[in-house]
């Protein structure tokens, strides 16, 4: 496992956190400029001002590094969404809007997005901790958009996993040019409706959906304007 704050272990020191931040920033710059192939561990070490051996203690491979980069980018998105959460009254529209915002963030830096998603796709069992951290963060982003009254049920978590798979596939498909913008929107809207069906009638999330006449139509029009 990489030199991160391990579960049950001591947190990183301020110096270690600063070193880790420089490493991730160097990876972001290299990937943004040249994509997956441009992220070479020796170049990352030079740009971040750490020894190559030190870099490998933090991130044993390029895949570990880029999955951690994805985790950091999703973390910043999560903070932004909490500061400015989706306001659509319909839970399906909130989930779809959140996924489209995440997709938009990826689209603004296509080379970086492609590098991170390729790393996530290539990740093997040695990267389980980092991949699980990305999955937990993605789950939290989706559940925040749903707005549940309490802990999610097994059915809702299953729906979240399906939504995650859909989001991953649409991002990868669009970055490769195999999927159109319209198909991305359609698939994400379908994913949003899927998880909304698991929200019980009368819950806080469901009540928000019915709080205004024509809420679903209005939410759909707002999503179309944003896209």
C-alpha atoms as a PDB file:
ATOM      1  CA  UNK A   1       0.000   0.000   0.000  1.00  0.00           C
ATOM      2  CA  UNK A   2       1.232   3.513  -0.778  1.00  0.00           C
ATOM      3  CA  UNK A   3       2.458   5.920   1.862  1.00  0.00           C
ATOM      4  CA  UNK A   4      -0.898   7.474   2.617  1.00  0.00           C
ATOM      5  CA  UNK A   5      -2.711   7.776   5.907  1.00  0.00           C
ATOM      6  CA  UNK A   6      -3.488   4.079   6.370  1.00  0.00           C
ATOM      7  CA  UNK A   7      -6.713   2.983   8.096  1.00  0.00           C
ATOM      8  CA  UNK A   8      -5.946   2.631  11.778  1.00  0.00           C
ATOM      9  CA  UNK A   9      -2.456   4.047  11.280  1.00  0.00           C
ATOM     10  CA  UNK A  10      -0.943   7.439  12.078  1.00  0.00           C
ATOM     11  CA  UNK A  11      -1.883  10.358   9.797  1.00  0.00           C
ATOM     12  CA  UNK A  12       0.687  11.868   7.487  1.00  0.00           C
ATOM     13  CA  UNK A  13       2.805  14.616   8.954  1.00  0.00           C
ATOM     14  CA  UNK A  14       2.510  18.144   7.580  1.00  0.00           C
ATOM     15  CA  UNK A  15       5.761  17.605   5.671  1.00  0.00           C
ATOM     16  CA  UNK A  16       4.495  14.360   4.165  1.00  0.00           C
ATOM     17  CA  UNK A  17       1.194  15.980   3.199  1.00  0.00           C
ATOM     18  CA  UNK A  18       3.048  18.801   1.472  1.00  0.00           C
ATOM     19  CA  UNK A  19       5.267  16.338  -0.400  1.00  0.00           C
ATOM     20  CA  UNK A  20       2.221  14.319  -1.466  1.00  0.00           C
ATOM     21  CA  UNK A  21       0.477  17.486  -2.661  1.00  0.00           C
ATOM     22  CA  UNK A  22       3.469  18.420  -4.836  1.00  0.00           C
ATOM     23  CA  UNK A  23       3.549  14.936  -6.345  1.00  0.00           C
ATOM     24  CA  UNK A  24      -0.138  15.024  -7.234  1.00  0.00           C
ATOM     25  CA  UNK A  25       0.144  18.530  -8.691  1.00  0.00           C
ATOM     26  CA  UNK A  26       3.034  17.388 -10.883  1.00  0.00           C
ATOM     27  CA  UNK A  27       0.965  14.421 -12.093  1.00  0.00           C
ATOM     28  CA  UNK A  28      -1.951  16.716 -12.924  1.00  0.00           C
ATOM     29  CA  UNK A  29       0.274  19.061 -14.949  1.00  0.00           C
ATOM     30  CA  UNK A  30       1.899  16.243 -16.892  1.00  0.00           C
ATOM     31  CA  UNK A  31      -1.388  14.479 -17.617  1.00  0.00           C
ATOM     32  CA  UNK A  32      -3.110  17.730 -18.588  1.00  0.00           C
ATOM     33  CA  UNK A  33      -0.338  18.478 -21.089  1.00  0.00           C
ATOM     34  CA  UNK A  34       0.309  15.039 -22.553  1.00  0.00           C
ATOM     35  CA  UNK A  35      -2.192  12.515 -21.247  1.00  0.00           C
ATOM     36  CA  UNK A  36      -1.526   9.066 -19.821  1.00  0.00           C
ATOM     37  CA  UNK A  37       1.779   8.410 -21.602  1.00  0.00           C
ATOM     38  CA  UNK A  38       3.253  11.723 -20.432  1.00  0.00           C
ATOM     39  CA  UNK A  39       3.011  10.729 -16.770  1.00  0.00           C
ATOM     40  CA  UNK A  40       6.417   9.107 -16.230  1.00  0.00           C
ATOM     41  CA  UNK A  41       7.492   8.494 -12.650  1.00  0.00           C
ATOM     42  CA  UNK A  42      10.977   9.969 -13.111  1.00  0.00           C
ATOM     43  CA  UNK A  43       9.482  13.146 -14.599  1.00  0.00           C
ATOM     44  CA  UNK A  44       6.947  13.352 -11.764  1.00  0.00           C
ATOM     45  CA  UNK A  45       9.774  13.054  -9.232  1.00  0.00           C
ATOM     46  CA  UNK A  46      11.791  15.800 -10.905  1.00  0.00           C
ATOM     47  CA  UNK A  47       8.853  18.183 -11.206  1.00  0.00           C
ATOM     48  CA  UNK A  48       7.734  17.648  -7.623  1.00  0.00           C
ATOM     49  CA  UNK A  49      11.234  17.927  -6.198  1.00  0.00           C
ATOM     50  CA  UNK A  50      11.356  14.501  -4.548  1.00  0.00           C
ATOM     51  CA  UNK A  51      13.704  11.572  -4.992  1.00  0.00           C
ATOM     52  CA  UNK A  52      12.472   8.793  -7.239  1.00  0.00           C
ATOM     53  CA  UNK A  53      12.632   6.297  -4.371  1.00  0.00           C
ATOM     54  CA  UNK A  54      10.551   8.639  -2.212  1.00  0.00           C
ATOM     55  CA  UNK A  55       7.945   8.917  -4.958  1.00  0.00           C
ATOM     56  CA  UNK A  56       7.626   5.134  -5.116  1.00  0.00           C
ATOM     57  CA  UNK A  57       7.049   5.003  -1.354  1.00  0.00           C
ATOM     58  CA  UNK A  58       4.052   7.273  -1.798  1.00  0.00           C
ATOM     59  CA  UNK A  59       2.797   5.735  -5.045  1.00  0.00           C
ATOM     60  CA  UNK A  60       4.175   2.315  -6.090  1.00  0.00           C
ATOM     61  CA  UNK A  61       3.204   2.817  -9.730  1.00  0.00           C
ATOM     62  CA  UNK A  62       1.815   5.270 -12.245  1.00  0.00           C
ATOM     63  CA  UNK A  63      -1.576   3.595 -11.880  1.00  0.00           C
ATOM     64  CA  UNK A  64      -1.583   4.202  -8.119  1.00  0.00           C
ATOM     65  CA  UNK A  65      -0.614   7.814  -8.744  1.00  0.00           C
ATOM     66  CA  UNK A  66      -3.281   8.531 -11.348  1.00  0.00           C
ATOM     67  CA  UNK A  67      -6.067   6.826  -9.372  1.00  0.00           C
ATOM     68  CA  UNK A  68      -5.045   8.975  -6.395  1.00  0.00           C
ATOM     69  CA  UNK A  69      -5.187  11.986  -8.717  1.00  0.00           C
ATOM     70  CA  UNK A  70      -8.746  11.031  -9.668  1.00  0.00           C
ATOM     71  CA  UNK A  71      -9.588  10.779  -5.988  1.00  0.00           C
ATOM     72  CA  UNK A  72      -8.282  14.294  -5.456  1.00  0.00           C
ATOM     73  CA  UNK A  73     -10.229  15.716  -8.406  1.00  0.00           C
ATOM     74  CA  UNK A  74     -13.446  14.064  -7.202  1.00  0.00           C
ATOM     75  CA  UNK A  75     -12.785  15.388  -3.717  1.00  0.00           C
ATOM     76  CA  UNK A  76     -12.645  18.947  -5.027  1.00  0.00           C
ATOM     77  CA  UNK A  77     -15.840  18.359  -6.997  1.00  0.00           C
ATOM     78  CA  UNK A  78     -17.519  17.022  -3.853  1.00  0.00           C
ATOM     79  CA  UNK A  79     -16.561  20.148  -1.919  1.00  0.00           C
ATOM     80  CA  UNK A  80     -17.947  22.360  -4.699  1.00  0.00           C
ATOM     81  CA  UNK A  81     -21.201  20.403  -4.797  1.00  0.00           C
ATOM     82  CA  UNK A  82     -21.606  20.734  -1.039  1.00  0.00           C
ATOM     83  CA  UNK A  83     -21.068  24.470  -1.264  1.00  0.00           C
ATOM     84  CA  UNK A  84     -23.470  24.776  -4.219  1.00  0.00           C
ATOM     85  CA  UNK A  85     -25.708  21.688  -4.132  1.00  0.00           C
ATOM     86  CA  UNK A  86     -28.191  20.963  -6.921  1.00  0.00           C
ATOM     87  CA  UNK A  87     -31.501  22.694  -6.243  1.00  0.00           C
ATOM     88  CA  UNK A  88     -33.813  20.723  -8.512  1.00  0.00           C
ATOM     89  CA  UNK A  89     -36.811  19.453  -6.546  1.00  0.00           C
ATOM     90  CA  UNK A  90     -36.795  16.096  -8.347  1.00  0.00           C
ATOM     91  CA  UNK A  91     -34.213  13.556  -7.029  1.00  0.00           C
ATOM     92  CA  UNK A  92     -33.700  12.097 -10.506  1.00  0.00           C
ATOM     93  CA  UNK A  93     -32.887  15.544 -11.872  1.00  0.00           C
ATOM     94  CA  UNK A  94     -30.546  16.258  -8.952  1.00  0.00           C
ATOM     95  CA  UNK A  95     -28.598  13.052  -9.586  1.00  0.00           C
ATOM     96  CA  UNK A  96     -28.494  13.676 -13.331  1.00  0.00           C
ATOM     97  CA  UNK A  97     -27.406  17.272 -12.817  1.00  0.00           C
ATOM     98  CA  UNK A  98     -24.642  16.168 -10.461  1.00  0.00           C
ATOM     99  CA  UNK A  99     -23.396  13.558 -12.932  1.00  0.00           C
ATOM    100  CA  UNK A 100     -23.447  16.097 -15.750  1.00  0.00           C
ATOM    101  CA  UNK A 101     -21.428  18.530 -13.629  1.00  0.00           C
ATOM    102  CA  UNK A 102     -18.889  15.780 -12.986  1.00  0.00           C
ATOM    103  CA  UNK A 103     -18.830  14.969 -16.694  1.00  0.00           C
ATOM    104  CA  UNK A 104     -18.362  18.652 -17.529  1.00  0.00           C
ATOM    105  CA  UNK A 105     -15.383  18.858 -15.175  1.00  0.00           C
ATOM    106  CA  UNK A 106     -13.814  15.890 -16.973  1.00  0.00           C
ATOM    107  CA  UNK A 107     -14.533  17.384 -20.396  1.00  0.00           C
ATOM    108  CA  UNK A 108     -12.688  20.610 -19.538  1.00  0.00           C
ATOM    109  CA  UNK A 109      -9.410  18.684 -19.128  1.00  0.00           C
ATOM    110  CA  UNK A 110      -9.756  15.811 -21.607  1.00  0.00           C
ATOM    111  CA  UNK A 111      -6.146  14.595 -21.476  1.00  0.00           C
ATOM    112  CA  UNK A 112      -6.151  14.550 -17.678  1.00  0.00           C
ATOM    113  CA  UNK A 113      -9.557  12.861 -17.619  1.00  0.00           C
ATOM    114  CA  UNK A 114      -8.433  10.212 -20.093  1.00  0.00           C
ATOM    115  CA  UNK A 115      -5.287   9.494 -18.063  1.00  0.00           C
ATOM    116  CA  UNK A 116      -7.233   9.113 -14.819  1.00  0.00           C
ATOM    117  CA  UNK A 117      -9.976   6.951 -16.318  1.00  0.00           C
ATOM    118  CA  UNK A 118      -7.443   4.724 -18.083  1.00  0.00           C
ATOM    119  CA  UNK A 119      -5.649   4.226 -14.794  1.00  0.00           C
ATOM    120  CA  UNK A 120      -8.925   3.328 -13.087  1.00  0.00           C
ATOM    121  CA  UNK A 121      -9.637   0.817 -15.859  1.00  0.00           C
ATOM    122  CA  UNK A 122      -6.137  -0.717 -15.698  1.00  0.00           C
ATOM    123  CA  UNK A 123      -6.037  -0.905 -11.892  1.00  0.00           C
ATOM    124  CA  UNK A 124      -5.419  -4.398 -10.506  1.00  0.00           C
ATOM    125  CA  UNK A 125      -5.779  -5.799  -6.986  1.00  0.00           C
ATOM    126  CA  UNK A 126      -2.697  -3.924  -5.799  1.00  0.00           C
ATOM    127  CA  UNK A 127      -4.617  -0.661  -6.258  1.00  0.00           C
ATOM    128  CA  UNK A 128      -7.695  -1.851  -4.342  1.00  0.00           C
ATOM    129  CA  UNK A 129      -7.386   0.701  -1.526  1.00  0.00           C
ATOM    130  CA  UNK A 130      -7.157   3.640  -3.910  1.00  0.00           C
ATOM    131  CA  UNK A 131      -9.969   2.340  -6.149  1.00  0.00           C
ATOM    132  CA  UNK A 132     -12.186   1.752  -3.115  1.00  0.00           C
ATOM    133  CA  UNK A 133     -11.531   5.322  -1.971  1.00  0.00           C
ATOM    134  CA  UNK A 134     -12.643   6.625  -5.386  1.00  0.00           C
ATOM    135  CA  UNK A 135     -15.761   4.446  -5.220  1.00  0.00           C
ATOM    136  CA  UNK A 136     -16.657   5.651  -1.710  1.00  0.00           C
ATOM    137  CA  UNK A 137     -16.279   9.258  -2.791  1.00  0.00           C
ATOM    138  CA  UNK A 138     -18.394   8.729  -5.910  1.00  0.00           C
ATOM    139  CA  UNK A 139     -21.059   7.029  -3.786  1.00  0.00           C
ATOM    140  CA  UNK A 140     -21.087   9.974  -1.367  1.00  0.00           C
ATOM    141  CA  UNK A 141     -21.494  12.456  -4.240  1.00  0.00           C
ATOM    142  CA  UNK A 142     -24.459  10.521  -5.652  1.00  0.00           C
ATOM    143  CA  UNK A 143     -26.147   9.982  -2.287  1.00  0.00           C
ATOM    144  CA  UNK A 144     -25.770  13.666  -1.419  1.00  0.00           C
ATOM    145  CA  UNK A 145     -27.644  14.449  -4.625  1.00  0.00           C
ATOM    146  CA  UNK A 146     -30.428  11.988  -3.771  1.00  0.00           C
ATOM    147  CA  UNK A 147     -30.916  13.557  -0.333  1.00  0.00           C
ATOM    148  CA  UNK A 148     -31.979  10.556   1.749  1.00  0.00           C
ATOM    149  CA  UNK A 149     -33.494  10.775   5.234  1.00  0.00           C
ATOM    150  CA  UNK A 150     -31.087   8.206   6.669  1.00  0.00           C
ATOM    151  CA  UNK A 151     -28.540   5.550   5.755  1.00  0.00           C
ATOM    152  CA  UNK A 152     -29.012   4.041   2.274  1.00  0.00           C
ATOM    153  CA  UNK A 153     -30.661   0.664   1.902  1.00  0.00           C
ATOM    154  CA  UNK A 154     -29.021  -2.288   0.160  1.00  0.00           C
ATOM    155  CA  UNK A 155     -31.243  -1.609  -2.860  1.00  0.00           C
ATOM    156  CA  UNK A 156     -30.168   2.027  -2.991  1.00  0.00           C
ATOM    157  CA  UNK A 157     -26.487   1.124  -2.740  1.00  0.00           C
ATOM    158  CA  UNK A 158     -26.973  -1.373  -5.558  1.00  0.00           C
ATOM    159  CA  UNK A 159     -28.585   1.365  -7.660  1.00  0.00           C
ATOM    160  CA  UNK A 160     -25.668   3.682  -6.844  1.00  0.00           C
ATOM    161  CA  UNK A 161     -23.221   1.070  -8.128  1.00  0.00           C
ATOM    162  CA  UNK A 162     -25.159   0.831 -11.391  1.00  0.00           C
ATOM    163  CA  UNK A 163     -25.084   4.627 -11.664  1.00  0.00           C
ATOM    164  CA  UNK A 164     -21.312   4.594 -11.050  1.00  0.00           C
ATOM    165  CA  UNK A 165     -20.793   2.019 -13.794  1.00  0.00           C
ATOM    166  CA  UNK A 166     -22.934   4.072 -16.171  1.00  0.00           C
ATOM    167  CA  UNK A 167     -21.037   7.281 -15.400  1.00  0.00           C
ATOM    168  CA  UNK A 168     -17.686   5.546 -15.865  1.00  0.00           C
ATOM    169  CA  UNK A 169     -18.732   3.998 -19.179  1.00  0.00           C
ATOM    170  CA  UNK A 170     -20.166   7.239 -20.573  1.00  0.00           C
ATOM    171  CA  UNK A 171     -17.068   9.245 -19.630  1.00  0.00           C
ATOM    172  CA  UNK A 172     -14.731   6.664 -21.173  1.00  0.00           C
ATOM    173  CA  UNK A 173     -16.923   6.388 -24.268  1.00  0.00           C
ATOM    174  CA  UNK A 174     -17.101  10.135 -24.770  1.00  0.00           C
ATOM    175  CA  UNK A 175     -13.376  10.686 -24.207  1.00  0.00           C
ATOM    176  CA  UNK A 176     -12.620   8.048 -26.846  1.00  0.00           C
ATOM    177  CA  UNK A 177     -15.057   9.649 -29.299  1.00  0.00           C
ATOM    178  CA  UNK A 178     -17.289   6.559 -29.429  1.00  0.00           C
ATOM    179  CA  UNK A 179     -20.234   8.150 -27.612  1.00  0.00           C
ATOM    180  CA  UNK A 180     -22.088  11.343 -28.529  1.00  0.00           C
ATOM    181  CA  UNK A 181     -22.977  14.157 -26.128  1.00  0.00           C
ATOM    182  CA  UNK A 182     -26.655  13.331 -26.607  1.00  0.00           C
ATOM    183  CA  UNK A 183     -26.095   9.727 -25.621  1.00  0.00           C
ATOM    184  CA  UNK A 184     -24.147  10.809 -22.533  1.00  0.00           C
ATOM    185  CA  UNK A 185     -27.071  13.004 -21.469  1.00  0.00           C
ATOM    186  CA  UNK A 186     -29.653  10.298 -22.196  1.00  0.00           C
ATOM    187  CA  UNK A 187     -27.752   7.583 -20.319  1.00  0.00           C
ATOM    188  CA  UNK A 188     -27.129   9.801 -17.291  1.00  0.00           C
ATOM    189  CA  UNK A 189     -30.785  10.831 -17.184  1.00  0.00           C
ATOM    190  CA  UNK A 190     -31.754   7.151 -17.228  1.00  0.00           C
ATOM    191  CA  UNK A 191     -29.299   6.455 -14.400  1.00  0.00           C
ATOM    192  CA  UNK A 192     -30.788   9.318 -12.396  1.00  0.00           C
ATOM    193  CA  UNK A 193     -34.301   7.942 -12.799  1.00  0.00           C
ATOM    194  CA  UNK A 194     -33.117   4.488 -11.745  1.00  0.00           C
ATOM    195  CA  UNK A 195     -31.854   5.579  -8.353  1.00  0.00           C
ATOM    196  CA  UNK A 196     -34.820   7.925  -7.842  1.00  0.00           C
ATOM    197  CA  UNK A 197     -37.125   4.901  -8.058  1.00  0.00           C
ATOM    198  CA  UNK A 198     -35.534   3.574  -4.849  1.00  0.00           C
ATOM    199  CA  UNK A 199     -36.606   6.671  -2.885  1.00  0.00           C
ATOM    200  CA  UNK A 200     -39.676   5.813  -0.762  1.00  0.00           C
ATOM    201  CA  UNK A 201     -42.814   7.892  -1.252  1.00  0.00           C
ATOM    202  CA  UNK A 202     -43.140  10.501   1.484  1.00  0.00           C
ATOM    203  CA  UNK A 203     -39.414  10.721   2.248  1.00  0.00           C
ATOM    204  CA  UNK A 204     -37.587  14.034   2.402  1.00  0.00           C
ATOM    205  CA  UNK A 205     -36.062  13.446  -1.029  1.00  0.00           C
ATOM    206  CA  UNK A 206     -39.448  12.497  -2.484  1.00  0.00           C
ATOM    207  CA  UNK A 207     -41.177  15.445  -0.835  1.00  0.00           C
ATOM    208  CA  UNK A 208     -38.672  17.779  -2.449  1.00  0.00           C
ATOM    209  CA  UNK A 209     -39.684  16.301  -5.776  1.00  0.00           C
ATOM    210  CA  UNK A 210     -43.303  17.165  -5.211  1.00  0.00           C
ATOM    211  CA  UNK A 211     -42.790  20.535  -3.608  1.00  0.00           C
ATOM    212  CA  UNK A 212     -43.568  22.521  -6.731  1.00  0.00           C
ATOM    213  CA  UNK A 213     -46.102  22.056  -9.547  1.00  0.00           C
ATOM    214  CA  UNK A 214     -44.453  20.832 -12.738  1.00  0.00           C
ATOM    215  CA  UNK A 215     -41.199  20.278 -10.861  1.00  0.00           C
ATOM    216  CA  UNK A 216     -40.047  17.355 -12.998  1.00  0.00           C
ATOM    217  CA  UNK A 217     -40.655  19.201 -16.283  1.00  0.00           C
ATOM    218  CA  UNK A 218     -38.917  22.294 -14.952  1.00  0.00           C
ATOM    219  CA  UNK A 219     -35.956  20.272 -13.727  1.00  0.00           C
ATOM    220  CA  UNK A 220     -35.633  18.586 -17.100  1.00  0.00           C
ATOM    221  CA  UNK A 221     -35.656  21.945 -18.904  1.00  0.00           C
ATOM    222  CA  UNK A 222     -32.948  23.265 -16.561  1.00  0.00           C
ATOM    223  CA  UNK A 223     -30.767  20.224 -17.240  1.00  0.00           C
ATOM    224  CA  UNK A 224     -31.151  20.677 -20.983  1.00  0.00           C
ATOM    225  CA  UNK A 225     -30.131  24.340 -20.722  1.00  0.00           C
ATOM    226  CA  UNK A 226     -27.025  23.441 -18.659  1.00  0.00           C
ATOM    227  CA  UNK A 227     -25.952  20.776 -21.108  1.00  0.00           C
END
